[in-house]
C-alpha cells in the first residue's frame, strides 16, 4: 500500500511539472508590436493607505511612451499621507492626472471593488487599465499591453508582474502565488474555453475593452468578492468574452507586501476566499499540500535515521522532492525570483499551510480578516 501511495504522489508531481512546462508555452512574454492607431486608455489606480507606494506608481505611469492615455487615482478613505502625496502630484499641473475622492463604502461591497467601480464611472477611455498602487510600470508597459490586446482580439488581458522580493519572508512566501498558478492551472484553457473553472487574472494589472467592462456591469458584478480579479475573469467568460494572459515580468513589477505581518494578513484575507469559502476544499488543500510537499521529507528523514534505504521509504520520496524542487527552480528562473529560496520549498509550504489555517479560522470562527482598516468576513 505504501508503495502505491508513493507512486501516486510522484505521478501527481510529474503531472504538475507537465502543466508547468506547458504553461511556459501558453504564458508567453508580452509581445513587441508597433501600434498604428492608439485608442485612449484610462489608467485607473485605487489607493488606500499607499503612502509608501503611490508616488512611485504614478510617476512610472507618467513615463509611458504611449500617446493617448489618462491617469485617474482614487483616494479610498486613506488615513496616512496618501492624500497629501496625491495633492502634491496634482499641484504639478500634469494634465494627464485626475485625483478623485472616494465615496463612502456602501453595504454589500468590498473596498477595492467599490473603488474600482467609482474609477470606472469616471474613465473616458476606449480601453481601461486597472492597476494597483504598489506597482511600477516600465515605459513600454502600456504600449505593449495595448498592442497585445488589439492583436489577440481579447476583451480582458492580465499578466504576471515581477514581484519585488526584498525581505526574507517576502522571498519565502510570495513566490507561492506563482507556484499555485503555474503548477495547477492549465493556462491554455483560460483562453480556449468558457469554463469558469479555468480563470486567470492578477489584479495588479487588468486591461479591459470598455465596451465589455460595461457589458458585465463592471466591478458591480464582483462587488462582494474578495478575490475580485479571478471573479472578473469568470464574469467575462460567462458573458462570452475572450481572456488572454502574458508573462509581464519585464514590463510591470510590484512590491506586494513588505514584512511578515502584511504577508500573513494579506494572504489570510485571500486564501480561504480563493478556495471559494469551501471547508471541504480547504481540508483537501491541506491534505494534498502535506502529501505532496511535506510528507516526502518525513519519509526521507525516517529512512535515513533508521538506515532503511528502501524504494518506498527513501528513493521514491527523494524523487518526489527532486521533482518539486525542479518545478520551483523553473518558476524562480522564469519569474526572476531568488533561486536559493526555491530550494526552501519545504518551509514555504509549511508557511502557506499555516496561513491557510489562519485564513480558515478567522473567517469561519472569528470576526474575519482585517486589511487596511477594513474587516473582511465570510461571503
Protein backbone atom coordinates (compact mmCIF):
# COMPACT_ATOMS: atom_id res chain seq x y z
CA UNK A 1 0.00 0.00 0.00
CA UNK A 2 2.82 2.44 0.87
CA UNK A 3 4.49 1.72 -2.47
CA UNK A 4 1.35 2.61 -4.44
CA UNK A 5 0.84 5.74 -2.32
CA UNK A 6 4.38 6.91 -3.10
CA UNK A 7 3.93 6.18 -6.80
CA UNK A 8 0.68 8.18 -6.80
CA UNK A 9 2.37 11.16 -5.16
CA UNK A 10 5.27 11.04 -7.61
CA UNK A 11 2.89 10.73 -10.57
CA UNK A 12 0.90 13.74 -9.35
CA UNK A 13 4.04 15.85 -9.01
CA UNK A 14 5.10 14.85 -12.53
CA UNK A 15 1.67 15.92 -13.79
CA UNK A 16 2.15 19.30 -12.07
CA UNK A 17 5.57 19.57 -13.71
CA UNK A 18 3.98 18.79 -17.07
CA UNK A 19 1.35 21.51 -16.53
CA UNK A 20 4.13 23.93 -15.63
CA UNK A 21 6.16 23.15 -18.75
CA UNK A 22 3.10 23.54 -20.95
CA UNK A 23 2.23 26.81 -19.22
CA UNK A 24 5.64 28.19 -20.11
CA UNK A 25 4.45 27.99 -23.73
CA UNK A 26 0.92 29.22 -23.05
CA UNK A 27 2.05 32.20 -20.95
CA UNK A 28 4.35 33.96 -23.43
CA UNK A 29 6.24 37.15 -22.73
CA UNK A 30 4.41 40.35 -23.54
CA UNK A 31 4.92 40.77 -27.30
CA UNK A 32 6.59 43.68 -29.04
CA UNK A 33 4.25 45.21 -31.59
CA UNK A 34 4.00 48.62 -33.19
CA UNK A 35 0.60 50.28 -32.90
CA UNK A 36 -0.69 52.50 -35.68
CA UNK A 37 -3.97 53.57 -34.05
CA UNK A 38 -3.73 54.35 -30.34
CA UNK A 39 -7.10 54.17 -28.58
CA UNK A 40 -7.45 56.28 -25.46
CA UNK A 41 -6.56 54.28 -22.35
CA UNK A 42 -7.82 55.21 -18.90
CA UNK A 43 -5.32 54.03 -16.29
CA UNK A 44 -7.22 53.58 -13.02
CA UNK A 45 -5.43 53.34 -9.67
CA UNK A 46 -7.33 52.71 -6.41
CA UNK A 47 -5.28 53.87 -3.42
CA UNK A 48 -5.98 53.28 0.27
CA UNK A 49 -3.14 53.98 2.70
CA UNK A 50 -0.50 53.74 -0.05
CA UNK A 51 1.88 56.47 1.11
CA UNK A 52 4.87 54.18 0.59
CA UNK A 53 3.93 53.34 -2.99
CA UNK A 54 1.66 55.81 -4.73
CA UNK A 55 4.18 58.39 -5.93
CA UNK A 56 6.45 55.78 -7.46
CA UNK A 57 3.48 54.17 -9.21
CA UNK A 58 2.10 57.40 -10.66
CA UNK A 59 5.46 58.66 -11.83
CA UNK A 60 6.15 55.37 -13.60
CA UNK A 61 2.80 55.69 -15.36
CA UNK A 62 3.62 59.24 -16.44
CA UNK A 63 6.73 57.93 -18.21
CA UNK A 64 4.73 55.77 -20.63
CA UNK A 65 5.76 56.03 -24.28
CA UNK A 66 2.13 55.59 -25.36
CA UNK A 67 0.48 58.75 -26.63
CA UNK A 68 -3.20 58.57 -25.67
CA UNK A 69 -3.83 57.90 -22.00
CA UNK A 70 -5.19 59.47 -18.83
CA UNK A 71 -4.45 58.57 -15.21
CA UNK A 72 -7.18 58.55 -12.56
CA UNK A 73 -6.23 57.92 -8.94
CA UNK A 74 -8.93 57.41 -6.31
CA UNK A 75 -8.15 58.09 -2.67
CA UNK A 76 -10.21 55.44 -0.89
CA UNK A 77 -10.50 56.99 2.56
CA UNK A 78 -6.79 56.87 3.35
CA UNK A 79 -5.69 57.66 6.88
CA UNK A 80 -1.97 58.01 6.12
CA UNK A 81 -0.13 60.55 3.96
CA UNK A 82 -1.65 59.30 0.69
CA UNK A 83 -4.00 62.32 0.25
CA UNK A 84 -1.13 64.79 0.76
CA UNK A 85 1.06 62.97 -1.77
CA UNK A 86 -1.77 62.95 -4.30
CA UNK A 87 -2.38 66.66 -3.79
CA UNK A 88 1.32 67.34 -4.37
CA UNK A 89 1.20 65.34 -7.60
CA UNK A 90 -1.90 67.23 -8.70
CA UNK A 91 -0.24 70.56 -7.90
CA UNK A 92 2.38 69.84 -10.53
CA UNK A 93 -0.43 70.52 -13.01
CA UNK A 94 0.15 67.41 -15.07
CA UNK A 95 -2.92 67.33 -17.33
CA UNK A 96 -2.96 63.56 -17.58
CA UNK A 97 -3.73 63.08 -13.88
CA UNK A 98 -7.11 63.36 -12.18
CA UNK A 99 -7.42 62.79 -8.43
CA UNK A 100 -10.79 61.51 -7.23
CA UNK A 101 -12.01 61.46 -3.65
CA UNK A 102 -13.69 58.14 -2.94
CA UNK A 103 -17.26 57.92 -1.73
CA UNK A 104 -18.31 56.09 1.43
CA UNK A 105 -18.29 52.31 1.13
CA UNK A 106 -21.88 51.05 0.62
CA UNK A 107 -23.27 47.96 2.31
CA UNK A 108 -22.64 44.78 0.37
CA UNK A 109 -19.45 46.00 -1.30
CA UNK A 110 -15.81 45.17 -0.61
CA UNK A 111 -13.44 48.11 -0.62
CA UNK A 112 -11.34 47.53 -3.71
CA UNK A 113 -14.30 46.62 -5.90
CA UNK A 114 -16.09 49.81 -4.84
CA UNK A 115 -13.02 51.95 -5.50
CA UNK A 116 -12.57 50.40 -8.96
CA UNK A 117 -16.27 50.81 -9.74
CA UNK A 118 -16.05 54.54 -8.99
CA UNK A 119 -12.96 54.85 -11.17
CA UNK A 120 -14.71 53.02 -13.99
CA UNK A 121 -17.56 55.54 -13.91
CA UNK A 122 -15.11 58.42 -14.40
CA UNK A 123 -12.99 56.81 -17.12
CA UNK A 124 -13.19 58.20 -20.64
CA UNK A 125 -11.03 55.65 -22.43
CA UNK A 126 -11.92 53.06 -25.04
CA UNK A 127 -9.65 50.76 -23.03
CA UNK A 128 -9.40 50.80 -19.23
CA UNK A 129 -6.49 49.53 -17.20
CA UNK A 130 -6.89 48.72 -13.50
CA UNK A 131 -3.55 48.64 -11.74
CA UNK A 132 -2.58 48.62 -8.07
CA UNK A 133 -0.86 51.46 -6.27
CA UNK A 134 2.08 49.23 -5.32
CA UNK A 135 3.05 48.58 -8.96
CA UNK A 136 5.77 50.15 -11.08
CA UNK A 137 5.50 50.25 -14.87
CA UNK A 138 8.25 50.24 -17.46
CA UNK A 139 7.87 52.98 -20.12
CA UNK A 140 6.69 50.46 -22.73
CA UNK A 141 4.15 48.68 -20.49
CA UNK A 142 1.07 50.43 -21.83
CA UNK A 143 2.12 50.29 -25.47
CA UNK A 144 2.95 46.60 -25.37
CA UNK A 145 -0.16 45.58 -23.43
CA UNK A 146 -2.47 47.55 -25.72
CA UNK A 147 -0.74 46.03 -28.75
CA UNK A 148 -1.17 42.55 -27.31
CA UNK A 149 -4.85 43.13 -26.61
CA UNK A 150 -5.60 44.52 -30.07
CA UNK A 151 -3.66 41.74 -31.81
CA UNK A 152 -5.32 38.97 -29.79
CA UNK A 153 -8.86 40.32 -30.03
CA UNK A 154 -9.18 39.92 -26.27
CA UNK A 155 -11.82 41.58 -24.12
CA UNK A 156 -9.71 41.22 -20.96
CA UNK A 157 -5.94 40.96 -20.59
CA UNK A 158 -3.94 40.25 -17.47
CA UNK A 159 -0.32 39.47 -16.82
CA UNK A 160 2.08 38.20 -14.19
CA UNK A 161 4.06 41.15 -12.82
CA UNK A 162 7.54 40.69 -11.49
CA UNK A 163 7.37 40.57 -7.70
CA UNK A 164 9.88 42.73 -5.85
CA UNK A 165 11.13 40.49 -3.05
CA UNK A 166 13.45 42.08 -0.53
CA UNK A 167 12.89 40.68 2.94
CA UNK A 168 13.36 37.05 3.97
CA UNK A 169 9.63 36.44 4.35
CA UNK A 170 8.77 38.00 1.01
CA UNK A 171 11.24 35.69 -0.70
CA UNK A 172 9.94 32.67 1.19
CA UNK A 173 6.17 33.10 0.80
CA UNK A 174 5.17 35.35 -2.09
CA UNK A 175 6.58 33.08 -4.85
CA UNK A 176 3.97 30.50 -3.80
CA UNK A 177 1.40 32.54 -5.73
CA UNK A 178 3.24 31.63 -8.92
CA UNK A 179 3.69 28.01 -7.85
CA UNK A 180 -0.08 27.62 -7.48
CA UNK A 181 -0.79 29.46 -10.72
CA UNK A 182 1.77 27.70 -12.91
CA UNK A 183 1.53 24.18 -11.47
CA UNK A 184 -2.22 23.68 -11.11
CA UNK A 185 -3.95 25.84 -13.74
CA UNK A 186 -3.66 24.90 -17.44
CA UNK A 187 -3.43 28.44 -18.78
CA UNK A 188 -4.25 27.39 -22.33
CA UNK A 189 -7.78 26.58 -21.15
CA UNK A 190 -8.19 30.15 -19.88
CA UNK A 191 -8.02 31.31 -23.47
CA UNK A 192 -9.69 28.44 -25.30
CA UNK A 193 -12.68 27.52 -23.12
CA UNK A 194 -15.54 29.37 -21.46
CA UNK A 195 -15.41 27.17 -18.36
CA UNK A 196 -15.29 29.35 -15.25
CA UNK A 197 -13.06 26.81 -13.53
CA UNK A 198 -10.21 27.89 -15.79
CA UNK A 199 -9.71 31.55 -14.98
CA UNK A 200 -6.62 33.68 -14.67
CA UNK A 201 -6.27 37.27 -13.56
CA UNK A 202 -3.93 39.18 -11.29
CA UNK A 203 -5.48 42.38 -10.02
CA UNK A 204 -2.17 44.23 -10.16
CA UNK A 205 -2.73 44.66 -13.91
CA UNK A 206 -6.04 44.06 -15.74
CA UNK A 207 -6.80 45.69 -19.10
CA UNK A 208 -10.38 45.76 -20.40
CA UNK A 209 -12.17 46.82 -23.50
CA UNK A 210 -14.52 49.44 -22.13
CA UNK A 211 -17.49 48.06 -24.05
CA UNK A 212 -17.07 44.65 -22.47
CA UNK A 213 -16.38 46.01 -19.00
CA UNK A 214 -19.71 47.82 -19.19
CA UNK A 215 -21.42 44.70 -20.52
CA UNK A 216 -20.59 42.77 -17.34
CA UNK A 217 -21.62 45.83 -15.24
CA UNK A 218 -18.04 46.43 -14.25
CA UNK A 219 -16.99 45.79 -10.69
CA UNK A 220 -20.63 45.69 -9.63
CA UNK A 221 -20.52 42.12 -10.93
CA UNK A 222 -17.94 41.25 -8.23
CA UNK A 223 -18.86 43.75 -5.53
CA UNK A 224 -18.75 41.21 -2.69
CA UNK A 225 -15.77 39.18 -3.95
CA UNK A 226 -12.50 39.42 -2.04
CA UNK A 227 -10.61 37.72 -4.89
CA UNK A 228 -12.20 40.13 -7.33
CA UNK A 229 -9.66 39.66 -10.12
CA UNK A 230 -10.47 35.99 -10.73
CA UNK A 231 -14.17 36.75 -10.30
CA UNK A 232 -13.89 39.37 -13.06
CA UNK A 233 -12.39 36.75 -15.33
CA UNK A 234 -15.32 34.44 -14.58
CA UNK A 235 -17.80 37.22 -15.35
CA UNK A 236 -16.11 37.96 -18.68
CA UNK A 237 -16.08 34.31 -19.72
CA UNK A 238 -19.68 33.86 -18.64
CA UNK A 239 -20.63 36.80 -20.90
CA UNK A 240 -18.83 35.19 -23.84
CA UNK A 241 -15.68 37.31 -23.67
CA UNK A 242 -12.12 36.34 -24.53
CA UNK A 243 -9.42 36.41 -21.85
CA UNK A 244 -5.68 36.33 -22.54
CA UNK A 245 -2.68 36.23 -20.23
CA UNK A 246 1.00 37.07 -20.60
CA UNK A 247 4.21 36.94 -18.62
CA UNK A 248 4.73 40.59 -17.79
CA UNK A 249 7.76 40.42 -15.52
CA UNK A 250 9.73 42.72 -17.83
CA UNK A 251 7.04 45.42 -18.06
CA UNK A 252 5.41 45.64 -14.60
CA UNK A 253 6.73 44.98 -11.10
CA UNK A 254 5.03 45.02 -7.72
CA UNK A 255 6.04 45.17 -4.07
CA UNK A 256 3.01 43.30 -2.81
CA UNK A 257 3.92 43.10 0.89
CA UNK A 258 6.86 44.40 2.89
CA UNK A 259 7.00 42.33 6.08
CA UNK A 260 5.74 39.15 7.72
CA UNK A 261 2.73 40.85 9.29
CA UNK A 262 1.46 42.16 5.97
CA UNK A 263 2.13 38.82 4.26
CA UNK A 264 0.27 36.99 7.00
CA UNK A 265 -2.73 39.35 6.99
CA UNK A 266 -2.89 39.78 3.21
CA UNK A 267 -2.72 36.08 2.39
CA UNK A 268 -5.11 35.27 5.23
CA UNK A 269 -7.64 37.63 3.68
CA UNK A 270 -7.40 35.93 0.30
CA UNK A 271 -6.56 32.27 0.75
CA UNK A 272 -9.80 30.81 2.08
CA UNK A 273 -11.70 33.14 -0.25
CA UNK A 274 -9.65 31.75 -3.13
CA UNK A 275 -10.90 28.29 -2.19
CA UNK A 276 -14.46 29.54 -2.58
CA UNK A 277 -15.02 29.53 1.21
CA UNK A 278 -15.32 25.75 0.89
CA UNK A 279 -14.45 23.80 4.03
CA UNK A 280 -14.02 20.53 2.08
CA UNK A 281 -11.84 22.43 -0.39
CA UNK A 282 -9.76 23.80 2.46
CA UNK A 283 -9.15 20.38 4.03
CA UNK A 284 -8.36 18.88 0.64
CA UNK A 285 -5.83 21.67 0.06
CA UNK A 286 -4.17 20.96 3.41
CA UNK A 287 -4.14 17.20 2.80
CA UNK A 288 -2.66 17.40 -0.69
CA UNK A 289 -0.10 20.05 0.22
CA UNK A 290 1.09 17.89 3.09
CA UNK A 291 1.20 14.72 0.99
CA UNK A 292 2.97 16.30 -1.97
CA UNK A 293 5.45 18.65 -0.34
CA UNK A 294 5.93 17.88 3.37
CA UNK A 295 5.45 14.14 3.91
CA UNK A 296 8.29 13.21 1.49
CA UNK A 297 10.76 14.92 3.82
CA UNK A 298 9.34 12.94 6.74
CA UNK A 299 9.77 9.63 4.91
CA UNK A 300 13.28 10.60 3.84
CA UNK A 301 14.40 11.58 7.35
CA UNK A 302 12.83 8.47 8.85
CA UNK A 303 14.62 6.30 6.32
CA UNK A 304 17.98 7.95 6.95
CA UNK A 305 17.67 7.71 10.74
CA UNK A 306 16.66 4.04 10.58
CA UNK A 307 19.18 3.15 7.88
CA UNK A 308 16.40 1.65 5.72
CA UNK A 309 17.07 2.87 2.18
CA UNK A 310 14.17 1.12 0.53
CA UNK A 311 12.31 2.18 -2.60
CA UNK A 312 9.09 3.37 -0.86
CA UNK A 313 10.82 4.95 2.15
CA UNK A 314 13.83 6.61 0.53
CA UNK A 315 14.13 6.58 -3.25
CA UNK A 316 10.56 7.46 -4.12
CA UNK A 317 10.36 10.31 -1.56
CA UNK A 318 13.73 11.56 -2.82
CA UNK A 319 12.32 11.56 -6.36
CA UNK A 320 9.24 13.46 -5.16
CA UNK A 321 11.36 16.12 -3.50
CA UNK A 322 13.54 16.41 -6.61
CA UNK A 323 10.56 16.93 -8.91
CA UNK A 324 9.04 19.54 -6.57
CA UNK A 325 12.34 21.41 -6.32
CA UNK A 326 12.84 21.27 -10.09
CA UNK A 327 9.44 22.89 -10.55
CA UNK A 328 10.28 25.59 -8.02
CA UNK A 329 13.61 26.33 -9.72
CA UNK A 330 11.98 26.64 -13.14
CA UNK A 331 9.36 29.05 -11.77
CA UNK A 332 12.01 31.08 -9.95
CA UNK A 333 14.11 31.37 -13.12
CA UNK A 334 11.19 32.36 -15.37
CA UNK A 335 9.72 34.92 -12.97
CA UNK A 336 13.04 36.31 -11.74
CA UNK A 337 12.75 35.07 -8.17
CA UNK A 338 15.66 34.09 -5.88
CA UNK A 339 16.83 30.59 -6.79
CA UNK A 340 18.15 29.89 -3.29
CA UNK A 341 14.71 30.36 -1.75
CA UNK A 342 13.21 27.94 -4.26
CA UNK A 343 15.28 25.28 -2.52
CA UNK A 344 13.49 26.15 0.73
CA UNK A 345 10.23 24.83 -0.70
CA UNK A 346 9.50 22.77 2.43
CA UNK A 347 9.41 25.89 4.60
CA UNK A 348 7.42 27.84 2.01
CA UNK A 349 4.79 25.10 2.00
CA UNK A 350 4.68 25.00 5.80
CA UNK A 351 4.12 28.76 5.90
CA UNK A 352 1.39 28.51 3.28
CA UNK A 353 -0.41 25.81 5.27
CA UNK A 354 -0.13 27.89 8.46
CA UNK A 355 -1.61 30.91 6.67
CA UNK A 356 -4.37 28.71 5.24
CA UNK A 357 -5.34 27.55 8.72
CA UNK A 358 -5.37 31.13 9.95
CA UNK A 359 -7.48 32.22 6.97
CA UNK A 360 -9.95 29.40 7.60
CA UNK A 361 -10.34 30.04 11.34
CA UNK A 362 -10.59 33.83 11.30
CA UNK A 363 -13.28 33.71 8.62
CA UNK A 364 -15.24 30.66 9.82
CA UNK A 365 -14.93 31.17 13.56
CA UNK A 366 -13.53 34.66 14.09
CA UNK A 367 -14.54 38.15 13.07
CA UNK A 368 -12.89 37.97 9.66
CA UNK A 369 -9.66 39.29 8.19
CA UNK A 370 -8.62 42.90 8.69
CA UNK A 371 -6.84 44.70 5.87
CA UNK A 372 -6.06 48.43 5.73
CA UNK A 373 -8.53 49.18 8.48
CA UNK A 374 -11.44 47.21 6.99
CA UNK A 375 -12.81 43.88 8.10
CA UNK A 376 -13.47 41.15 5.54
CA UNK A 377 -15.64 38.27 6.60
CA UNK A 378 -17.30 35.24 5.07
CA UNK A 379 -19.01 35.99 1.76
